[in-house]
């Protein structure tokens, strides 16, 4: 499936989490250092959060 992290397309297998998407985008270290992850509606997401096809998440 395809998800977008800060508008960068990331290919993941179904069942993978927010953490896997961040690893794919090279942004996990930023989140571990204190940045937060949000969905396209501004809801904060946890690293274990589920993703579905086409989700857009942002690190801020």
Protein backbone atom coordinates (compact mmCIF):
# COMPACT_ATOMS: atom_id res chain seq x y z
CA UNK A 1 0.00 0.00 0.00
CA UNK A 2 1.07 3.60 -0.44
CA UNK A 3 1.05 6.23 2.30
CA UNK A 4 2.51 9.72 2.34
CA UNK A 5 4.86 11.10 4.98
CA UNK A 6 5.38 14.86 4.62
CA UNK A 7 4.15 14.42 1.02
CA UNK A 8 6.79 11.74 0.28
CA UNK A 9 5.25 8.54 -1.05
CA UNK A 10 6.21 5.47 1.01
CA UNK A 11 5.36 1.88 0.03
CA UNK A 12 4.35 -0.33 2.97
CA UNK A 13 2.87 -3.77 3.40
CA UNK A 14 -0.64 -3.93 4.86
CA UNK A 15 -0.58 -4.01 8.65
CA UNK A 16 2.51 -1.83 8.99
CA UNK A 17 2.34 1.10 11.40
CA UNK A 18 3.16 4.79 11.65
CA UNK A 19 6.59 3.81 12.96
CA UNK A 20 7.32 1.77 9.82
CA UNK A 21 6.33 4.70 7.60
CA UNK A 22 8.61 7.03 9.55
CA UNK A 23 11.52 4.58 9.21
CA UNK A 24 10.88 4.45 5.45
CA UNK A 25 10.92 8.24 5.26
CA UNK A 26 14.02 8.54 7.46
CA UNK A 27 12.14 10.60 10.05
CA UNK A 28 11.95 8.27 13.07
CA UNK A 29 14.91 9.94 14.80
CA UNK A 30 13.18 13.34 14.60
CA UNK A 31 10.09 11.93 16.30
CA UNK A 32 12.15 10.19 18.97
CA UNK A 33 13.85 13.56 19.60
CA UNK A 34 10.52 15.20 20.37
CA UNK A 35 8.66 16.04 17.17
CA UNK A 36 5.05 14.86 16.85
CA UNK A 37 3.21 12.96 14.11
CA UNK A 38 -0.16 14.20 12.84
CA UNK A 39 -2.65 12.99 10.27
CA UNK A 40 -4.08 15.19 7.54
CA UNK A 41 -6.83 16.44 9.90
CA UNK A 42 -4.41 17.51 12.64
CA UNK A 43 -4.93 14.53 14.96
CA UNK A 44 -1.81 13.40 16.79
CA UNK A 45 -0.78 9.81 16.03
CA UNK A 46 1.16 7.31 18.09
CA UNK A 47 3.98 5.23 16.65
CA UNK A 48 1.84 2.08 16.87
CA UNK A 49 -1.01 3.69 14.95
CA UNK A 50 -2.54 1.79 12.03
CA UNK A 51 -2.30 3.08 8.48
CA UNK A 52 -4.44 2.43 5.43
CA UNK A 53 -3.97 3.04 1.73
CA UNK A 54 -3.50 6.71 0.92
CA UNK A 55 -3.07 7.98 4.49
CA UNK A 56 -1.14 11.24 4.78
CA UNK A 57 0.89 11.88 7.91
CA UNK A 58 3.10 14.81 8.84
CA UNK A 59 6.00 15.27 11.24
CA UNK A 60 5.93 18.67 12.97
